[in-house]
Amino acid sequence: MGIDPRLMNTFLWKMMNPVHWRRVRSILYSYNHAALQDPYAVGTMVDQLCSTLGVPITPGQRAAAIRFVIAQRCDPHNPHHRARMWNLVFG
């Protein structure tokens, strides 16, 4: 099961809201590459983002989001990785 496109779209629009962006950015920057390869840490990040954005998520969607993030092998402190993720999310 892949990541839910409706859930991804909901996150996209809520993250673009200036009211949420600063908090979302601080959550994302608090993780490094090693943490984003740890399912527990990624699950915590997903929970924080859901809570901050007010997005309900099912256990299946949460598990798919964790797998998706780990599969990206992204380092949020690397500008090239950030650009790649930006393009992936925003097309």
PDB file of N, CA and C in Angstrom:
ATOM      1  N   MET A   1       0.847  -1.189   0.000  1.00  0.00           N
ATOM      2  CA  MET A   1       0.000   0.000   0.000  1.00  0.00           C
ATOM      3  C   MET A   1       0.881   1.236   0.000  1.00  0.00           C
ATOM      4  N   GLY A   2       0.662   2.133  -0.967  1.00  0.00           N
ATOM      5  CA  GLY A   2       1.432   3.365  -1.063  1.00  0.00           C
ATOM      6  C   GLY A   2       0.813   4.472  -0.237  1.00  0.00           C
ATOM      7  N   ILE A   3       1.455   5.608  -0.288  1.00  0.00           N
ATOM      8  CA  ILE A   3       0.964   6.758   0.461  1.00  0.00           C
ATOM      9  C   ILE A   3      -0.323   7.268  -0.187  1.00  0.00           C
ATOM     10  N   ASP A   4      -1.267   7.662   0.633  1.00  0.00           N
ATOM     11  CA  ASP A   4      -2.581   8.125   0.187  1.00  0.00           C
ATOM     12  C   ASP A   4      -2.445   9.495  -0.489  1.00  0.00           C
ATOM     13  N   PRO A   5      -2.817   9.617  -1.783  1.00  0.00           N
ATOM     14  CA  PRO A   5      -2.681  10.901  -2.474  1.00  0.00           C
ATOM     15  C   PRO A   5      -3.529  12.012  -1.847  1.00  0.00           C
ATOM     16  N   ARG A   6      -4.699  11.666  -1.330  1.00  0.00           N
ATOM     17  CA  ARG A   6      -5.537  12.691  -0.681  1.00  0.00           C
ATOM     18  C   ARG A   6      -4.867  13.208   0.583  1.00  0.00           C
ATOM     19  N   LEU A   7      -4.257  12.302   1.340  1.00  0.00           N
ATOM     20  CA  LEU A   7      -3.545  12.707   2.550  1.00  0.00           C
ATOM     21  C   LEU A   7      -2.367  13.601   2.190  1.00  0.00           C
ATOM     22  N   MET A   8      -1.627  13.228   1.159  1.00  0.00           N
ATOM     23  CA  MET A   8      -0.484  14.033   0.721  1.00  0.00           C
ATOM     24  C   MET A   8      -0.943  15.423   0.287  1.00  0.00           C
ATOM     25  N   ASN A   9      -2.058  15.496  -0.425  1.00  0.00           N
ATOM     26  CA  ASN A   9      -2.600  16.788  -0.866  1.00  0.00           C
ATOM     27  C   ASN A   9      -3.025  17.637   0.333  1.00  0.00           C
ATOM     28  N   THR A  10      -3.640  17.009   1.320  1.00  0.00           N
ATOM     29  CA  THR A  10      -4.043  17.736   2.529  1.00  0.00           C
ATOM     30  C   THR A  10      -2.828  18.326   3.237  1.00  0.00           C
ATOM     31  N   PHE A  11      -1.769  17.506   3.388  1.00  0.00           N
ATOM     32  CA  PHE A  11      -0.537  17.994   4.000  1.00  0.00           C
ATOM     33  C   PHE A  11       0.051  19.143   3.190  1.00  0.00           C
ATOM     34  N   LEU A  12       0.056  19.001   1.874  1.00  0.00           N
ATOM     35  CA  LEU A  12       0.598  20.029   0.991  1.00  0.00           C
ATOM     36  C   LEU A  12      -0.061  21.379   1.242  1.00  0.00           C
ATOM     37  N   TRP A  13      -1.378  21.403   1.219  1.00  0.00           N
ATOM     38  CA  TRP A  13      -2.088  22.668   1.376  1.00  0.00           C
ATOM     39  C   TRP A  13      -1.931  23.237   2.775  1.00  0.00           C
ATOM     40  N   LYS A  14      -1.939  22.395   3.779  1.00  0.00           N
ATOM     41  CA  LYS A  14      -1.786  22.895   5.148  1.00  0.00           C
ATOM     42  C   LYS A  14      -0.362  23.377   5.401  1.00  0.00           C
ATOM     43  N   MET A  15       0.627  22.698   4.823  1.00  0.00           N
ATOM     44  CA  MET A  15       2.013  23.126   5.013  1.00  0.00           C
ATOM     45  C   MET A  15       2.285  24.450   4.308  1.00  0.00           C
ATOM     46  N   MET A  16       1.588  24.729   3.222  1.00  0.00           N
ATOM     47  CA  MET A  16       1.783  25.984   2.496  1.00  0.00           C
ATOM     48  C   MET A  16       1.184  27.175   3.242  1.00  0.00           C
ATOM     49  N   ASN A  17       0.308  26.918   4.198  1.00  0.00           N
ATOM     50  CA  ASN A  17      -0.308  27.984   4.969  1.00  0.00           C
ATOM     51  C   ASN A  17       0.750  28.628   5.861  1.00  0.00           C
ATOM     52  N   PRO A  18       0.956  29.938   5.754  1.00  0.00           N
ATOM     53  CA  PRO A  18       1.972  30.610   6.573  1.00  0.00           C
ATOM     54  C   PRO A  18       1.763  30.434   8.079  1.00  0.00           C
ATOM     55  N   VAL A  19       0.545  30.193   8.483  1.00  0.00           N
ATOM     56  CA  VAL A  19       0.265  29.981   9.905  1.00  0.00           C
ATOM     57  C   VAL A  19       0.986  28.734  10.408  1.00  0.00           C
ATOM     58  N   HIS A  20       1.074  27.721   9.572  1.00  0.00           N
ATOM     59  CA  HIS A  20       1.677  26.446   9.963  1.00  0.00           C
ATOM     60  C   HIS A  20       3.138  26.307   9.564  1.00  0.00           C
ATOM     61  N   TRP A  21       3.592  27.033   8.544  1.00  0.00           N
ATOM     62  CA  TRP A  21       4.890  26.771   7.940  1.00  0.00           C
ATOM     63  C   TRP A  21       6.045  26.833   8.939  1.00  0.00           C
ATOM     64  N   ARG A  22       6.074  27.837   9.798  1.00  0.00           N
ATOM     65  CA  ARG A  22       7.197  27.979  10.732  1.00  0.00           C
ATOM     66  C   ARG A  22       7.306  26.768  11.658  1.00  0.00           C
ATOM     67  N   ARG A  23       6.187  26.296  12.180  1.00  0.00           N
ATOM     68  CA  ARG A  23       6.201  25.144  13.077  1.00  0.00           C
ATOM     69  C   ARG A  23       6.584  23.864  12.318  1.00  0.00           C
ATOM     70  N   VAL A  24       6.039  23.689  11.111  1.00  0.00           N
ATOM     71  CA  VAL A  24       6.367  22.518  10.299  1.00  0.00           C
ATOM     72  C   VAL A  24       7.861  22.515   9.989  1.00  0.00           C
ATOM     73  N   ARG A  25       8.389  23.659   9.621  1.00  0.00           N
ATOM     74  CA  ARG A  25       9.813  23.757   9.306  1.00  0.00           C
ATOM     75  C   ARG A  25      10.669  23.387  10.517  1.00  0.00           C
ATOM     76  N   SER A  26      10.285  23.860  11.693  1.00  0.00           N
ATOM     77  CA  SER A  26      11.070  23.532  12.885  1.00  0.00           C
ATOM     78  C   SER A  26      11.009  22.032  13.197  1.00  0.00           C
ATOM     79  N   ILE A  27       9.882  21.412  12.941  1.00  0.00           N
ATOM     80  CA  ILE A  27       9.768  19.956  13.138  1.00  0.00           C
ATOM     81  C   ILE A  27      10.688  19.235  12.160  1.00  0.00           C
ATOM     82  N   LEU A  28      10.614  19.610  10.890  1.00  0.00           N
ATOM     83  CA  LEU A  28      11.418  18.932   9.869  1.00  0.00           C
ATOM     84  C   LEU A  28      12.913  19.113  10.112  1.00  0.00           C
ATOM     85  N   TYR A  29      13.325  20.312  10.504  1.00  0.00           N
ATOM     86  CA  TYR A  29      14.750  20.576  10.729  1.00  0.00           C
ATOM     87  C   TYR A  29      15.267  19.956  12.021  1.00  0.00           C
ATOM     88  N   SER A  30      14.380  19.489  12.880  1.00  0.00           N
ATOM     89  CA  SER A  30      14.846  18.876  14.124  1.00  0.00           C
ATOM     90  C   SER A  30      15.306  17.431  13.907  1.00  0.00           C
ATOM     91  N   TYR A  31      15.121  16.913  12.699  1.00  0.00           N
ATOM     92  CA  TYR A  31      15.527  15.546  12.368  1.00  0.00           C
ATOM     93  C   TYR A  31      16.726  15.574  11.426  1.00  0.00           C
ATOM     94  N   ASN A  32      17.589  14.573  11.541  1.00  0.00           N
ATOM     95  CA  ASN A  32      18.719  14.451  10.633  1.00  0.00           C
ATOM     96  C   ASN A  32      18.555  13.174   9.809  1.00  0.00           C
ATOM     97  N   HIS A  33      19.526  12.912   8.961  1.00  0.00           N
ATOM     98  CA  HIS A  33      19.444  11.765   8.060  1.00  0.00           C
ATOM     99  C   HIS A  33      19.307  10.447   8.826  1.00  0.00           C
ATOM    100  N   ALA A  34      20.082  10.286   9.884  1.00  0.00           N
ATOM    101  CA  ALA A  34      20.026   9.036  10.657  1.00  0.00           C
ATOM    102  C   ALA A  34      18.648   8.849  11.288  1.00  0.00           C
ATOM    103  N   ALA A  35      18.074   9.918  11.810  1.00  0.00           N
ATOM    104  CA  ALA A  35      16.748   9.816  12.433  1.00  0.00           C
ATOM    105  C   ALA A  35      15.686   9.461  11.399  1.00  0.00           C
ATOM    106  N   LEU A  36      15.856   9.955  10.182  1.00  0.00           N
ATOM    107  CA  LEU A  36      14.861   9.677   9.143  1.00  0.00           C
ATOM    108  C   LEU A  36      15.010   8.284   8.544  1.00  0.00           C
ATOM    109  N   GLN A  37      15.925   7.497   9.071  1.00  0.00           N
ATOM    110  CA  GLN A  37      16.038   6.090   8.697  1.00  0.00           C
ATOM    111  C   GLN A  37      15.546   5.184   9.825  1.00  0.00           C
ATOM    112  N   ASP A  38      15.125   5.787  10.931  1.00  0.00           N
ATOM    113  CA  ASP A  38      14.629   5.056  12.101  1.00  0.00           C
ATOM    114  C   ASP A  38      13.096   5.110  12.115  1.00  0.00           C
ATOM    115  N   PRO A  39      12.420   3.961  11.971  1.00  0.00           N
ATOM    116  CA  PRO A  39      10.952   3.970  11.921  1.00  0.00           C
ATOM    117  C   PRO A  39      10.294   4.641  13.129  1.00  0.00           C
ATOM    118  N   TYR A  40      10.867   4.468  14.316  1.00  0.00           N
ATOM    119  CA  TYR A  40      10.270   5.093  15.501  1.00  0.00           C
ATOM    120  C   TYR A  40      10.358   6.617  15.405  1.00  0.00           C
ATOM    121  N   ALA A  41      11.524   7.133  15.015  1.00  0.00           N
ATOM    122  CA  ALA A  41      11.706   8.586  14.900  1.00  0.00           C
ATOM    123  C   ALA A  41      10.815   9.160  13.803  1.00  0.00           C
ATOM    124  N   VAL A  42      10.721   8.458  12.689  1.00  0.00           N
ATOM    125  CA  VAL A  42       9.862   8.931  11.597  1.00  0.00           C
ATOM    126  C   VAL A  42       8.399   8.915  12.037  1.00  0.00           C
ATOM    127  N   GLY A  43       8.001   7.890  12.763  1.00  0.00           N
ATOM    128  CA  GLY A  43       6.629   7.840  13.276  1.00  0.00           C
ATOM    129  C   GLY A  43       6.345   9.010  14.210  1.00  0.00           C
ATOM    130  N   THR A  44       7.323   9.354  15.036  1.00  0.00           N
ATOM    131  CA  THR A  44       7.170  10.503  15.923  1.00  0.00           C
ATOM    132  C   THR A  44       7.026  11.787  15.117  1.00  0.00           C
ATOM    133  N   MET A  45       7.828  11.919  14.062  1.00  0.00           N
ATOM    134  CA  MET A  45       7.743  13.103  13.209  1.00  0.00           C
ATOM    135  C   MET A  45       6.373  13.183  12.532  1.00  0.00           C
ATOM    136  N   VAL A  46       5.898  12.066  12.010  1.00  0.00           N
ATOM    137  CA  VAL A  46       4.584  12.038  11.358  1.00  0.00           C
ATOM    138  C   VAL A  46       3.502  12.444  12.363  1.00  0.00           C
ATOM    139  N   ASP A  47       3.588  11.917  13.578  1.00  0.00           N
ATOM    140  CA  ASP A  47       2.614  12.277  14.616  1.00  0.00           C
ATOM    141  C   ASP A  47       2.668  13.765  14.937  1.00  0.00           C
ATOM    142  N   GLN A  48       3.881  14.330  15.031  1.00  0.00           N
ATOM    143  CA  GLN A  48       4.028  15.756  15.312  1.00  0.00           C
ATOM    144  C   GLN A  48       3.421  16.599  14.197  1.00  0.00           C
ATOM    145  N   LEU A  49       3.699  16.207  12.955  1.00  0.00           N
ATOM    146  CA  LEU A  49       3.154  16.957  11.820  1.00  0.00           C
ATOM    147  C   LEU A  49       1.629  16.874  11.786  1.00  0.00           C
ATOM    148  N   CYS A  50       1.095  15.684  12.022  1.00  0.00           N
ATOM    149  CA  CYS A  50      -0.368  15.518  12.034  1.00  0.00           C
ATOM    150  C   CYS A  50      -0.999  16.382  13.119  1.00  0.00           C
ATOM    151  N   SER A  51      -0.390  16.393  14.282  1.00  0.00           N
ATOM    152  CA  SER A  51      -0.905  17.178  15.398  1.00  0.00           C
ATOM    153  C   SER A  51      -0.834  18.673  15.091  1.00  0.00           C
ATOM    154  N   THR A  52       0.293  19.113  14.565  1.00  0.00           N
ATOM    155  CA  THR A  52       0.475  20.532  14.254  1.00  0.00           C
ATOM    156  C   THR A  52      -0.501  21.004  13.188  1.00  0.00           C
ATOM    157  N   LEU A  53      -0.722  20.170  12.178  1.00  0.00           N
ATOM    158  CA  LEU A  53      -1.579  20.559  11.055  1.00  0.00           C
ATOM    159  C   LEU A  53      -3.042  20.195  11.270  1.00  0.00           C
ATOM    160  N   GLY A  54      -3.332  19.443  12.327  1.00  0.00           N
ATOM    161  CA  GLY A  54      -4.712  19.045  12.586  1.00  0.00           C
ATOM    162  C   GLY A  54      -5.241  18.059  11.563  1.00  0.00           C
ATOM    163  N   VAL A  55      -4.375  17.155  11.109  1.00  0.00           N
ATOM    164  CA  VAL A  55      -4.757  16.166  10.097  1.00  0.00           C
ATOM    165  C   VAL A  55      -4.900  14.807  10.760  1.00  0.00           C
ATOM    166  N   PRO A  56      -6.107  14.244  10.738  1.00  0.00           N
ATOM    167  CA  PRO A  56      -6.265  12.886  11.288  1.00  0.00           C
ATOM    168  C   PRO A  56      -5.634  11.876  10.333  1.00  0.00           C
ATOM    169  N   ILE A  57      -5.065  10.826  10.902  1.00  0.00           N
ATOM    170  CA  ILE A  57      -4.381   9.822  10.085  1.00  0.00           C
ATOM    171  C   ILE A  57      -4.687   8.441  10.657  1.00  0.00           C
ATOM    172  N   THR A  58      -4.945   7.497   9.773  1.00  0.00           N
ATOM    173  CA  THR A  58      -5.222   6.124  10.217  1.00  0.00           C
ATOM    174  C   THR A  58      -3.896   5.398  10.450  1.00  0.00           C
ATOM    175  N   PRO A  59      -3.927   4.295  11.182  1.00  0.00           N
ATOM    176  CA  PRO A  59      -2.691   3.524  11.371  1.00  0.00           C
ATOM    177  C   PRO A  59      -2.074   3.056  10.053  1.00  0.00           C
ATOM    178  N   GLY A  60      -2.894   2.695   9.086  1.00  0.00           N
ATOM    179  CA  GLY A  60      -2.388   2.280   7.781  1.00  0.00           C
ATOM    180  C   GLY A  60      -1.716   3.420   7.034  1.00  0.00           C
ATOM    181  N   GLN A  61      -2.328   4.601   7.078  1.00  0.00           N
ATOM    182  CA  GLN A  61      -1.726   5.768   6.438  1.00  0.00           C
ATOM    183  C   GLN A  61      -0.416   6.148   7.128  1.00  0.00           C
ATOM    184  N   ARG A  62      -0.400   6.022   8.448  1.00  0.00           N
ATOM    185  CA  ARG A  62       0.810   6.341   9.217  1.00  0.00           C
ATOM    186  C   ARG A  62       1.934   5.392   8.820  1.00  0.00           C
ATOM    187  N   ALA A  63       1.639   4.100   8.742  1.00  0.00           N
ATOM    188  CA  ALA A  63       2.648   3.111   8.357  1.00  0.00           C
ATOM    189  C   ALA A  63       3.161   3.377   6.938  1.00  0.00           C
ATOM    190  N   ALA A  64       2.263   3.721   6.022  1.00  0.00           N
ATOM    191  CA  ALA A  64       2.671   4.021   4.644  1.00  0.00           C
ATOM    192  C   ALA A  64       3.535   5.281   4.606  1.00  0.00           C
ATOM    193  N   ALA A  65       3.193   6.284   5.407  1.00  0.00           N
ATOM    194  CA  ALA A  65       3.986   7.516   5.458  1.00  0.00           C
ATOM    195  C   ALA A  65       5.386   7.235   5.996  1.00  0.00           C
ATOM    196  N   ILE A  66       5.477   6.389   7.007  1.00  0.00           N
ATOM    197  CA  ILE A  66       6.783   6.027   7.574  1.00  0.00           C
ATOM    198  C   ILE A  66       7.633   5.334   6.511  1.00  0.00           C
ATOM    199  N   ARG A  67       7.055   4.365   5.816  1.00  0.00           N
ATOM    200  CA  ARG A  67       7.792   3.665   4.756  1.00  0.00           C
ATOM    201  C   ARG A  67       8.231   4.632   3.655  1.00  0.00           C
ATOM    202  N   PHE A  68       7.344   5.562   3.297  1.00  0.00           N
ATOM    203  CA  PHE A  68       7.647   6.540   2.251  1.00  0.00           C
ATOM    204  C   PHE A  68       8.837   7.406   2.644  1.00  0.00           C
ATOM    205  N   VAL A  69       8.814   7.940   3.860  1.00  0.00           N
ATOM    206  CA  VAL A  69       9.895   8.824   4.307  1.00  0.00           C
ATOM    207  C   VAL A  69      11.223   8.067   4.345  1.00  0.00           C
ATOM    208  N   ILE A  70      11.221   6.873   4.889  1.00  0.00           N
ATOM    209  CA  ILE A  70      12.450   6.080   4.973  1.00  0.00           C
ATOM    210  C   ILE A  70      12.984   5.771   3.577  1.00  0.00           C
ATOM    211  N   ALA A  71      12.098   5.452   2.647  1.00  0.00           N
ATOM    212  CA  ALA A  71      12.513   5.109   1.282  1.00  0.00           C
ATOM    213  C   ALA A  71      13.165   6.282   0.559  1.00  0.00           C
ATOM    214  N   GLN A  72      12.855   7.512   0.955  1.00  0.00           N
ATOM    215  CA  GLN A  72      13.419   8.689   0.283  1.00  0.00           C
ATOM    216  C   GLN A  72      14.883   8.910   0.621  1.00  0.00           C
ATOM    217  N   ARG A  73      15.343   8.367   1.760  1.00  0.00           N
ATOM    218  CA  ARG A  73      16.738   8.508   2.198  1.00  0.00           C
ATOM    219  C   ARG A  73      17.188   9.966   2.143  1.00  0.00           C
ATOM    220  N   CYS A  74      16.367  10.830   2.692  1.00  0.00           N
ATOM    221  CA  CYS A  74      16.574  12.274   2.624  1.00  0.00           C
ATOM    222  C   CYS A  74      17.305  12.791   3.858  1.00  0.00           C
ATOM    223  N   ASP A  75      18.227  13.717   3.633  1.00  0.00           N
ATOM    224  CA  ASP A  75      18.884  14.450   4.711  1.00  0.00           C
ATOM    225  C   ASP A  75      18.315  15.869   4.683  1.00  0.00           C
ATOM    226  N   PRO A  76      17.501  16.258   5.665  1.00  0.00           N
ATOM    227  CA  PRO A  76      16.872  17.570   5.635  1.00  0.00           C
ATOM    228  C   PRO A  76      17.866  18.727   5.727  1.00  0.00           C
ATOM    229  N   HIS A  77      19.108  18.453   6.084  1.00  0.00           N
ATOM    230  CA  HIS A  77      20.113  19.508   6.187  1.00  0.00           C
ATOM    231  C   HIS A  77      20.929  19.651   4.905  1.00  0.00           C
ATOM    232  N   ASN A  78      20.673  18.807   3.918  1.00  0.00           N
ATOM    233  CA  ASN A  78      21.357  18.865   2.640  1.00  0.00           C
ATOM    234  C   ASN A  78      20.460  19.622   1.646  1.00  0.00           C
ATOM    235  N   PRO A  79      20.924  20.755   1.110  1.00  0.00           N
ATOM    236  CA  PRO A  79      20.061  21.549   0.220  1.00  0.00           C
ATOM    237  C   PRO A  79      19.619  20.794  -1.036  1.00  0.00           C
ATOM    238  N   HIS A  80      20.446  19.890  -1.546  1.00  0.00           N
ATOM    239  CA  HIS A  80      20.058  19.117  -2.730  1.00  0.00           C
ATOM    240  C   HIS A  80      18.933  18.142  -2.398  1.00  0.00           C
ATOM    241  N   HIS A  81      18.996  17.546  -1.240  1.00  0.00           N
ATOM    242  CA  HIS A  81      17.933  16.632  -0.813  1.00  0.00           C
ATOM    243  C   HIS A  81      16.640  17.407  -0.578  1.00  0.00           C
ATOM    244  N   ARG A  82      16.747  18.594   0.030  1.00  0.00           N
ATOM    245  CA  ARG A  82      15.542  19.415   0.243  1.00  0.00           C
ATOM    246  C   ARG A  82      14.893  19.779  -1.089  1.00  0.00           C
ATOM    247  N   ALA A  83      15.703  20.152  -2.067  1.00  0.00           N
ATOM    248  CA  ALA A  83      15.165  20.508  -3.383  1.00  0.00           C
ATOM    249  C   ALA A  83      14.479  19.308  -4.033  1.00  0.00           C
ATOM    250  N   ARG A  84      15.101  18.128  -3.891  1.00  0.00           N
ATOM    251  CA  ARG A  84      14.503  16.909  -4.456  1.00  0.00           C
ATOM    252  C   ARG A  84      13.154  16.618  -3.804  1.00  0.00           C
ATOM    253  N   MET A  85      13.093  16.750  -2.480  1.00  0.00           N
ATOM    254  CA  MET A  85      11.833  16.506  -1.768  1.00  0.00           C
ATOM    255  C   MET A  85      10.796  17.555  -2.119  1.00  0.00           C
ATOM    256  N   TRP A  86      11.222  18.788  -2.239  1.00  0.00           N
ATOM    257  CA  TRP A  86      10.303  19.872  -2.625  1.00  0.00           C
ATOM    258  C   TRP A  86       9.670  19.541  -3.978  1.00  0.00           C
ATOM    259  N   ASN A  87      10.496  19.133  -4.947  1.00  0.00           N
ATOM    260  CA  ASN A  87       9.982  18.769  -6.263  1.00  0.00           C
ATOM    261  C   ASN A  87       9.077  17.549  -6.219  1.00  0.00           C
ATOM    262  N   LEU A  88       9.398  16.603  -5.361  1.00  0.00           N
ATOM    263  CA  LEU A  88       8.565  15.404  -5.229  1.00  0.00           C
ATOM    264  C   LEU A  88       7.184  15.757  -4.684  1.00  0.00           C
ATOM    265  N   VAL A  89       7.151  16.604  -3.669  1.00  0.00           N
ATOM    266  CA  VAL A  89       5.883  16.956  -3.031  1.00  0.00           C
ATOM    267  C   VAL A  89       5.092  17.954  -3.874  1.00  0.00           C
ATOM    268  N   PHE A  90       5.752  18.987  -4.385  1.00  0.00           N
ATOM    269  CA  PHE A  90       5.047  20.066  -5.062  1.00  0.00           C
ATOM    270  C   PHE A  90       5.024  19.912  -6.580  1.00  0.00           C
ATOM    271  N   GLY A  91       5.686  18.889  -7.104  1.00  0.00           N
ATOM    272  CA  GLY A  91       5.654  18.598  -8.525  1.00  0.00           C
ATOM    273  C   GLY A  91       6.319  19.653  -9.331  1.00  0.00           C
TER     274      GLY A  91
END
